[in-house]
Amino acid sequence: MSRPPPVRVRNTRREDFDGLIEMCRAVYPESPAWTVEQLESHLRVFPEGQLVAEEEGTGRVAGMAASLVVRWDDYETGGAWRDFTDHGTFRNHDPQNGRTLYGAEVMVHPGMRRRGVGSLLYDARRDLVRGLGLLRIRAGARLRGYHRHADRMSAGDYARSVIRGEMKDPTLSFQLRHGFRVVAVVGGYLRHDPESLGWSAVIEWLNPEVATPADSADRDPSFAPPGPREAGPRA
């Protein structure tokens, strides 16, 4: 069996819009897709923050990431997605005052999964933060598996179980493996999402080139990852 073509990440172009919208409908069949007007606004206000993963040779859209820069203190940590993105337009992009890259979207085409596409997009985002000298990436990780456990545990306890490795969440587990840490768990992030029931983990990756210990002071310590296990007595 021949290996599939490699995938590369580049900045989004207008000619990608049809492929992005088609992919969005495949990933979120029950939710509204990105509109041309929103995607055009992203390119207008922050072209460097819009990324496409493309299969080399075929040009097929394999994934995308959409971001903007915000001044975090202008928002409530428990704010909804629409607040952080100005209803998906990114018109609140604030490169003069902001130090936080807000990850508004990452998605991988269902037919392109298990090919490292998500990892490539996260790597490209970290490169962008380093290149711009920003402090961090923050985003809302919708707790996609929570609906299966909501009848017996809170969203916060669910997130803690995922952090400890006792459960796996399709979104949060992947982000934790990529160096993100949970700052808080909030409700009402995507209010009509049937998988997360509106619950999201606020996640963060700090740029090691500029961050200080004080920059992680607002993290809820109950969401800290477990430390290394102590070795037991030898027999």
C-alpha atoms as a PDB file:
ATOM      1  CA  MET A   1       0.000   0.000   0.000  1.00  0.00           C
ATOM      2  CA  SER A   2       1.415   3.387  -0.985  1.00  0.00           C
ATOM      3  CA  ARG A   3       1.851   6.047   1.669  1.00  0.00           C
ATOM      4  CA  PRO A   4      -0.461   9.083   1.471  1.00  0.00           C
ATOM      5  CA  PRO A   5       1.059  12.365   0.324  1.00  0.00           C
ATOM      6  CA  PRO A   6       2.620  14.553   3.025  1.00  0.00           C
ATOM      7  CA  VAL A   7       0.736  17.486   4.528  1.00  0.00           C
ATOM      8  CA  ARG A   8       2.114  20.996   4.883  1.00  0.00           C
ATOM      9  CA  VAL A   9       0.826  24.055   6.746  1.00  0.00           C
ATOM     10  CA  ARG A  10       0.621  27.480   5.155  1.00  0.00           C
ATOM     11  CA  ASN A  11      -1.377  30.661   5.567  1.00  0.00           C
ATOM     12  CA  THR A  12      -4.987  30.631   4.441  1.00  0.00           C
ATOM     13  CA  ARG A  13      -5.901  32.091   1.052  1.00  0.00           C
ATOM     14  CA  ARG A  14      -9.270  33.135  -0.271  1.00  0.00           C
ATOM     15  CA  GLU A  15      -9.336  30.251  -2.710  1.00  0.00           C
ATOM     16  CA  ASP A  16      -9.379  27.905   0.306  1.00  0.00           C
ATOM     17  CA  PHE A  17     -12.767  29.126   1.516  1.00  0.00           C
ATOM     18  CA  ASP A  18     -14.915  26.542  -0.285  1.00  0.00           C
ATOM     19  CA  GLY A  19     -12.765  23.716   1.041  1.00  0.00           C
ATOM     20  CA  LEU A  20     -12.813  25.140   4.563  1.00  0.00           C
ATOM     21  CA  ILE A  21     -16.585  25.476   4.576  1.00  0.00           C
ATOM     22  CA  GLU A  22     -17.010  21.952   3.212  1.00  0.00           C
ATOM     23  CA  MET A  23     -14.675  20.591   5.890  1.00  0.00           C
ATOM     24  CA  CYS A  24     -16.517  22.494   8.612  1.00  0.00           C
ATOM     25  CA  ARG A  25     -19.804  20.927   7.543  1.00  0.00           C
ATOM     26  CA  ALA A  26     -18.203  17.481   7.634  1.00  0.00           C
ATOM     27  CA  VAL A  27     -16.766  18.036  11.115  1.00  0.00           C
ATOM     28  CA  TYR A  28     -19.815  19.806  12.605  1.00  0.00           C
ATOM     29  CA  PRO A  29     -22.824  18.559  10.606  1.00  0.00           C
ATOM     30  CA  GLU A  30     -25.320  19.870  13.167  1.00  0.00           C
ATOM     31  CA  SER A  31     -23.780  23.336  13.592  1.00  0.00           C
ATOM     32  CA  PRO A  32     -23.480  26.367  11.305  1.00  0.00           C
ATOM     33  CA  ALA A  33     -20.329  26.368   9.186  1.00  0.00           C
ATOM     34  CA  TRP A  34     -17.923  29.273   8.887  1.00  0.00           C
ATOM     35  CA  THR A  35     -19.272  31.809   6.414  1.00  0.00           C
ATOM     36  CA  VAL A  36     -17.386  33.492   3.590  1.00  0.00           C
ATOM     37  CA  GLU A  37     -17.922  36.818   5.352  1.00  0.00           C
ATOM     38  CA  GLN A  38     -16.300  35.543   8.547  1.00  0.00           C
ATOM     39  CA  LEU A  39     -13.351  33.990   6.717  1.00  0.00           C
ATOM     40  CA  GLU A  40     -12.807  37.182   4.734  1.00  0.00           C
ATOM     41  CA  SER A  41     -12.812  39.157   7.967  1.00  0.00           C
ATOM     42  CA  HIS A  42     -10.151  36.836   9.427  1.00  0.00           C
ATOM     43  CA  LEU A  43      -7.843  37.464   6.482  1.00  0.00           C
ATOM     44  CA  ARG A  44      -8.488  41.171   6.563  1.00  0.00           C
ATOM     45  CA  VAL A  45      -7.650  41.706  10.248  1.00  0.00           C
ATOM     46  CA  PHE A  46      -4.973  39.021  10.895  1.00  0.00           C
ATOM     47  CA  PRO A  47      -3.817  37.012   7.874  1.00  0.00           C
ATOM     48  CA  GLU A  48      -0.781  35.605   9.725  1.00  0.00           C
ATOM     49  CA  GLY A  49      -3.039  33.894  12.254  1.00  0.00           C
ATOM     50  CA  GLN A  50      -5.066  31.909   9.719  1.00  0.00           C
ATOM     51  CA  LEU A  51      -3.590  28.530   8.809  1.00  0.00           C
ATOM     52  CA  VAL A  52      -4.486  25.745   6.394  1.00  0.00           C
ATOM     53  CA  ALA A  53      -3.085  22.217   6.348  1.00  0.00           C
ATOM     54  CA  GLU A  54      -2.901  21.089   2.725  1.00  0.00           C
ATOM     55  CA  GLU A  55      -2.121  17.716   1.212  1.00  0.00           C
ATOM     56  CA  GLU A  56       0.829  18.171  -1.098  1.00  0.00           C
ATOM     57  CA  GLY A  57       0.237  17.286  -4.723  1.00  0.00           C
ATOM     58  CA  THR A  58      -3.562  17.120  -4.464  1.00  0.00           C
ATOM     59  CA  GLY A  59      -4.179  20.482  -2.768  1.00  0.00           C
ATOM     60  CA  ARG A  60      -6.876  18.923  -0.585  1.00  0.00           C
ATOM     61  CA  VAL A  61      -7.684  20.837   2.605  1.00  0.00           C
ATOM     62  CA  ALA A  62      -6.695  18.583   5.499  1.00  0.00           C
ATOM     63  CA  GLY A  63      -7.251  20.974   8.388  1.00  0.00           C
ATOM     64  CA  MET A  64      -7.320  24.561   9.537  1.00  0.00           C
ATOM     65  CA  ALA A  65      -6.566  26.796  12.499  1.00  0.00           C
ATOM     66  CA  ALA A  66      -8.007  30.262  13.058  1.00  0.00           C
ATOM     67  CA  SER A  67      -6.601  32.682  15.646  1.00  0.00           C
ATOM     68  CA  LEU A  68      -6.564  36.291  16.777  1.00  0.00           C
ATOM     69  CA  VAL A  69      -4.650  38.336  19.334  1.00  0.00           C
ATOM     70  CA  VAL A  70      -6.506  39.629  22.384  1.00  0.00           C
ATOM     71  CA  ARG A  71      -5.754  41.559  25.547  1.00  0.00           C
ATOM     72  CA  TRP A  72      -6.901  38.909  27.998  1.00  0.00           C
ATOM     73  CA  ASP A  73      -7.785  41.371  30.759  1.00  0.00           C
ATOM     74  CA  ASP A  74     -10.534  42.780  28.529  1.00  0.00           C
ATOM     75  CA  TYR A  75     -12.491  39.512  28.888  1.00  0.00           C
ATOM     76  CA  GLU A  76     -13.933  37.306  31.577  1.00  0.00           C
ATOM     77  CA  THR A  77     -12.212  33.941  31.839  1.00  0.00           C
ATOM     78  CA  GLY A  78     -15.660  32.375  31.738  1.00  0.00           C
ATOM     79  CA  GLY A  79     -16.657  34.231  28.584  1.00  0.00           C
ATOM     80  CA  ALA A  80     -18.329  32.537  25.638  1.00  0.00           C
ATOM     81  CA  TRP A  81     -16.679  31.787  22.297  1.00  0.00           C
ATOM     82  CA  ARG A  82     -18.668  34.540  20.638  1.00  0.00           C
ATOM     83  CA  ASP A  83     -17.253  37.095  23.106  1.00  0.00           C
ATOM     84  CA  PHE A  84     -13.618  36.186  22.437  1.00  0.00           C
ATOM     85  CA  THR A  85     -14.139  36.192  18.644  1.00  0.00           C
ATOM     86  CA  ASP A  86     -16.675  39.013  18.168  1.00  0.00           C
ATOM     87  CA  HIS A  87     -19.224  36.493  16.902  1.00  0.00           C
ATOM     88  CA  GLY A  88     -16.652  34.753  14.730  1.00  0.00           C
ATOM     89  CA  THR A  89     -15.502  37.865  12.850  1.00  0.00           C
ATOM     90  CA  PHE A  90     -12.217  38.524  14.767  1.00  0.00           C
ATOM     91  CA  ARG A  91     -12.887  42.262  14.511  1.00  0.00           C
ATOM     92  CA  ASN A  92     -11.742  42.498  18.146  1.00  0.00           C
ATOM     93  CA  HIS A  93      -8.184  41.501  17.101  1.00  0.00           C
ATOM     94  CA  ASP A  94      -5.892  43.755  19.180  1.00  0.00           C
ATOM     95  CA  PRO A  95      -2.215  43.393  18.209  1.00  0.00           C
ATOM     96  CA  GLN A  96      -1.244  46.718  19.807  1.00  0.00           C
ATOM     97  CA  ASN A  97      -2.303  45.757  23.340  1.00  0.00           C
ATOM     98  CA  GLY A  98      -2.729  41.989  23.292  1.00  0.00           C
ATOM     99  CA  ARG A  99      -0.193  39.381  24.406  1.00  0.00           C
ATOM    100  CA  THR A 100      -2.435  36.338  24.031  1.00  0.00           C
ATOM    101  CA  LEU A 101      -3.058  34.389  20.842  1.00  0.00           C
ATOM    102  CA  TYR A 102      -6.631  33.157  21.147  1.00  0.00           C
ATOM    103  CA  GLY A 103      -7.217  29.862  19.388  1.00  0.00           C
ATOM    104  CA  ALA A 104     -10.704  30.250  17.977  1.00  0.00           C
ATOM    105  CA  GLU A 105     -10.705  27.061  15.909  1.00  0.00           C
ATOM    106  CA  VAL A 106      -8.697  23.987  15.057  1.00  0.00           C
ATOM    107  CA  MET A 107     -10.211  21.245  12.949  1.00  0.00           C
ATOM    108  CA  VAL A 108      -9.040  18.288  10.896  1.00  0.00           C
ATOM    109  CA  HIS A 109     -10.985  16.832   8.001  1.00  0.00           C
ATOM    110  CA  PRO A 110     -12.539  13.477   9.034  1.00  0.00           C
ATOM    111  CA  GLY A 111     -10.899  11.795   6.049  1.00  0.00           C
ATOM    112  CA  MET A 112      -7.441  13.098   7.017  1.00  0.00           C
ATOM    113  CA  ARG A 113      -7.260  12.067  10.647  1.00  0.00           C
ATOM    114  CA  ARG A 114      -4.393  10.035  12.131  1.00  0.00           C
ATOM    115  CA  ARG A 115      -1.919  11.703   9.793  1.00  0.00           C
ATOM    116  CA  GLY A 116      -0.469  14.200  12.258  1.00  0.00           C
ATOM    117  CA  VAL A 117      -2.445  17.130  10.863  1.00  0.00           C
ATOM    118  CA  GLY A 118      -3.485  18.456  14.266  1.00  0.00           C
ATOM    119  CA  SER A 119       0.094  18.307  15.533  1.00  0.00           C
ATOM    120  CA  LEU A 120       1.337  20.271  12.512  1.00  0.00           C
ATOM    121  CA  LEU A 121      -1.262  22.981  13.131  1.00  0.00           C
ATOM    122  CA  TYR A 122      -0.371  23.270  16.819  1.00  0.00           C
ATOM    123  CA  ASP A 123       3.331  23.458  15.968  1.00  0.00           C
ATOM    124  CA  ALA A 124       2.619  26.248  13.479  1.00  0.00           C
ATOM    125  CA  ARG A 125       0.652  28.158  16.094  1.00  0.00           C
ATOM    126  CA  ARG A 126       3.492  27.937  18.597  1.00  0.00           C
ATOM    127  CA  ASP A 127       5.914  29.155  15.919  1.00  0.00           C
ATOM    128  CA  LEU A 128       3.605  32.111  15.298  1.00  0.00           C
ATOM    129  CA  VAL A 129       3.554  33.012  19.007  1.00  0.00           C
ATOM    130  CA  ARG A 130       7.327  32.838  19.209  1.00  0.00           C
ATOM    131  CA  GLY A 131       7.739  34.901  16.054  1.00  0.00           C
ATOM    132  CA  LEU A 132       5.411  37.629  17.308  1.00  0.00           C
ATOM    133  CA  GLY A 133       6.909  37.589  20.803  1.00  0.00           C
ATOM    134  CA  LEU A 134       3.536  36.891  22.413  1.00  0.00           C
ATOM    135  CA  LEU A 135       3.173  35.550  25.929  1.00  0.00           C
ATOM    136  CA  ARG A 136       0.893  32.614  25.321  1.00  0.00           C
ATOM    137  CA  ILE A 137      -1.842  30.730  23.530  1.00  0.00           C
ATOM    138  CA  ARG A 138      -5.203  30.405  25.227  1.00  0.00           C
ATOM    139  CA  ALA A 139      -8.312  28.690  23.934  1.00  0.00           C
ATOM    140  CA  GLY A 140     -11.511  26.995  24.994  1.00  0.00           C
ATOM    141  CA  ALA A 141     -11.272  23.205  24.733  1.00  0.00           C
ATOM    142  CA  ARG A 142     -14.847  22.010  24.483  1.00  0.00           C
ATOM    143  CA  LEU A 143     -15.256  18.922  26.632  1.00  0.00           C
ATOM    144  CA  ARG A 144     -16.519  16.698  23.847  1.00  0.00           C
ATOM    145  CA  GLY A 145     -16.944  13.566  25.928  1.00  0.00           C
ATOM    146  CA  TYR A 146     -18.669  15.173  28.893  1.00  0.00           C
ATOM    147  CA  HIS A 147     -22.218  14.361  27.746  1.00  0.00           C
ATOM    148  CA  ARG A 148     -21.527  10.691  28.467  1.00  0.00           C
ATOM    149  CA  HIS A 149     -20.721  11.422  32.129  1.00  0.00           C
ATOM    150  CA  ALA A 150     -22.798  14.501  32.985  1.00  0.00           C
ATOM    151  CA  ASP A 151     -25.374  12.479  34.924  1.00  0.00           C
ATOM    152  CA  ARG A 152     -22.816  11.430  37.527  1.00  0.00           C
ATOM    153  CA  MET A 153     -20.085  14.071  37.700  1.00  0.00           C
ATOM    154  CA  SER A 154     -19.484  17.779  37.306  1.00  0.00           C
ATOM    155  CA  ALA A 155     -17.624  19.201  34.320  1.00  0.00           C
ATOM    156  CA  GLY A 156     -14.753  20.166  36.613  1.00  0.00           C
ATOM    157  CA  ASP A 157     -14.434  16.627  37.963  1.00  0.00           C
ATOM    158  CA  TYR A 158     -14.576  15.290  34.414  1.00  0.00           C
ATOM    159  CA  ALA A 159     -11.696  17.567  33.387  1.00  0.00           C
ATOM    160  CA  ARG A 160      -9.673  16.512  36.437  1.00  0.00           C
ATOM    161  CA  SER A 161     -10.201  12.855  35.539  1.00  0.00           C
ATOM    162  CA  VAL A 162      -8.926  13.557  32.021  1.00  0.00           C
ATOM    163  CA  ILE A 163      -5.902  15.434  33.383  1.00  0.00           C
ATOM    164  CA  ARG A 164      -5.076  12.495  35.681  1.00  0.00           C
ATOM    165  CA  GLY A 165      -5.357  10.091  32.744  1.00  0.00           C
ATOM    166  CA  GLU A 166      -8.353   8.239  34.217  1.00  0.00           C
ATOM    167  CA  MET A 167     -10.534   9.215  31.248  1.00  0.00           C
ATOM    168  CA  LYS A 168      -9.891  10.299  27.677  1.00  0.00           C
ATOM    169  CA  ASP A 169     -11.569  13.245  26.008  1.00  0.00           C
ATOM    170  CA  PRO A 170     -11.314  13.553  22.205  1.00  0.00           C
ATOM    171  CA  THR A 171     -10.236  17.192  22.430  1.00  0.00           C
ATOM    172  CA  LEU A 172      -8.699  17.853  25.833  1.00  0.00           C
ATOM    173  CA  SER A 173      -6.532  14.726  25.972  1.00  0.00           C
ATOM    174  CA  PHE A 174      -4.895  15.692  22.671  1.00  0.00           C
ATOM    175  CA  GLN A 175      -4.223  19.240  23.859  1.00  0.00           C
ATOM    176  CA  LEU A 176      -2.722  18.089  27.137  1.00  0.00           C
ATOM    177  CA  ARG A 177      -0.302  15.891  25.178  1.00  0.00           C
ATOM    178  CA  HIS A 178       0.749  18.991  23.283  1.00  0.00           C
ATOM    179  CA  GLY A 179       1.832  20.877  26.376  1.00  0.00           C
ATOM    180  CA  PHE A 180      -1.334  22.775  27.243  1.00  0.00           C
ATOM    181  CA  ARG A 181      -2.490  23.155  30.839  1.00  0.00           C
ATOM    182  CA  VAL A 182      -5.996  23.795  32.145  1.00  0.00           C
ATOM    183  CA  VAL A 183      -6.582  27.212  33.695  1.00  0.00           C
ATOM    184  CA  ALA A 184     -10.283  26.803  34.518  1.00  0.00           C
ATOM    185  CA  VAL A 185     -13.465  24.999  33.488  1.00  0.00           C
ATOM    186  CA  VAL A 186     -16.366  27.197  32.409  1.00  0.00           C
ATOM    187  CA  GLY A 187     -19.939  26.757  31.267  1.00  0.00           C
ATOM    188  CA  GLY A 188     -21.806  28.410  28.409  1.00  0.00           C
ATOM    189  CA  TYR A 189     -18.812  28.452  26.064  1.00  0.00           C
ATOM    190  CA  LEU A 190     -20.645  26.895  23.115  1.00  0.00           C
ATOM    191  CA  ARG A 191     -24.148  26.908  24.519  1.00  0.00           C
ATOM    192  CA  HIS A 192     -25.818  24.651  21.977  1.00  0.00           C
ATOM    193  CA  ASP A 193     -23.075  22.034  21.642  1.00  0.00           C
ATOM    194  CA  PRO A 194     -24.660  18.627  22.422  1.00  0.00           C
ATOM    195  CA  GLU A 195     -21.344  16.911  23.175  1.00  0.00           C
ATOM    196  CA  SER A 196     -19.891  19.355  25.694  1.00  0.00           C
ATOM    197  CA  LEU A 197     -23.275  20.623  26.955  1.00  0.00           C
ATOM    198  CA  GLY A 198     -21.664  24.053  26.759  1.00  0.00           C
ATOM    199  CA  TRP A 199     -18.718  23.191  29.033  1.00  0.00           C
ATOM    200  CA  SER A 200     -15.159  24.054  28.104  1.00  0.00           C
ATOM    201  CA  ALA A 201     -11.705  23.901  29.643  1.00  0.00           C
ATOM    202  CA  VAL A 202      -9.772  27.146  29.321  1.00  0.00           C
ATOM    203  CA  ILE A 203      -6.351  25.903  28.229  1.00  0.00           C
ATOM    204  CA  GLU A 204      -2.988  27.655  28.016  1.00  0.00           C
ATOM    205  CA  TRP A 205       0.450  27.211  26.512  1.00  0.00           C
ATOM    206  CA  LEU A 206       3.083  29.679  27.749  1.00  0.00           C
ATOM    207  CA  ASN A 207       5.865  30.857  25.472  1.00  0.00           C
ATOM    208  CA  PRO A 208       9.029  29.778  27.323  1.00  0.00           C
ATOM    209  CA  GLU A 209      11.009  32.564  25.682  1.00  0.00           C
ATOM    210  CA  VAL A 210       9.101  35.325  27.501  1.00  0.00           C
ATOM    211  CA  ALA A 211       6.982  33.771  30.290  1.00  0.00           C
ATOM    212  CA  THR A 212       7.795  34.091  33.989  1.00  0.00           C
ATOM    213  CA  PRO A 213       6.434  32.057  36.937  1.00  0.00           C
ATOM    214  CA  ALA A 214       3.986  34.868  37.683  1.00  0.00           C
ATOM    215  CA  ASP A 215       2.300  34.321  34.321  1.00  0.00           C
ATOM    216  CA  SER A 216       0.823  31.012  35.480  1.00  0.00           C
ATOM    217  CA  ALA A 217      -0.371  32.310  38.833  1.00  0.00           C
ATOM    218  CA  ASP A 218      -4.052  32.439  37.850  1.00  0.00           C
ATOM    219  CA  ARG A 219      -4.290  28.731  37.055  1.00  0.00           C
ATOM    220  CA  ASP A 220      -6.638  26.779  39.315  1.00  0.00           C
ATOM    221  CA  PRO A 221      -4.283  24.431  41.208  1.00  0.00           C
ATOM    222  CA  SER A 222      -6.936  21.706  41.274  1.00  0.00           C
ATOM    223  CA  PHE A 223      -6.339  21.292  37.522  1.00  0.00           C
ATOM    224  CA  ALA A 224      -2.581  20.814  37.868  1.00  0.00           C
ATOM    225  CA  PRO A 225      -1.224  17.680  36.165  1.00  0.00           C
ATOM    226  CA  PRO A 226      -0.204  14.848  38.484  1.00  0.00           C
ATOM    227  CA  GLY A 227       3.402  14.792  39.544  1.00  0.00           C
ATOM    228  CA  PRO A 228       5.726  11.848  38.971  1.00  0.00           C
ATOM    229  CA  ARG A 229       4.811   8.798  40.981  1.00  0.00           C
ATOM    230  CA  GLU A 230       7.127   7.881  43.777  1.00  0.00           C
ATOM    231  CA  ALA A 231       8.835   4.552  43.360  1.00  0.00           C
ATOM    232  CA  GLY A 232       7.557   1.872  45.727  1.00  0.00           C
ATOM    233  CA  PRO A 233       9.773  -0.331  47.876  1.00  0.00           C
ATOM    234  CA  ARG A 234      11.744  -2.963  46.030  1.00  0.00           C
ATOM    235  CA  ALA A 235      10.964  -6.563  46.793  1.00  0.00           C
END
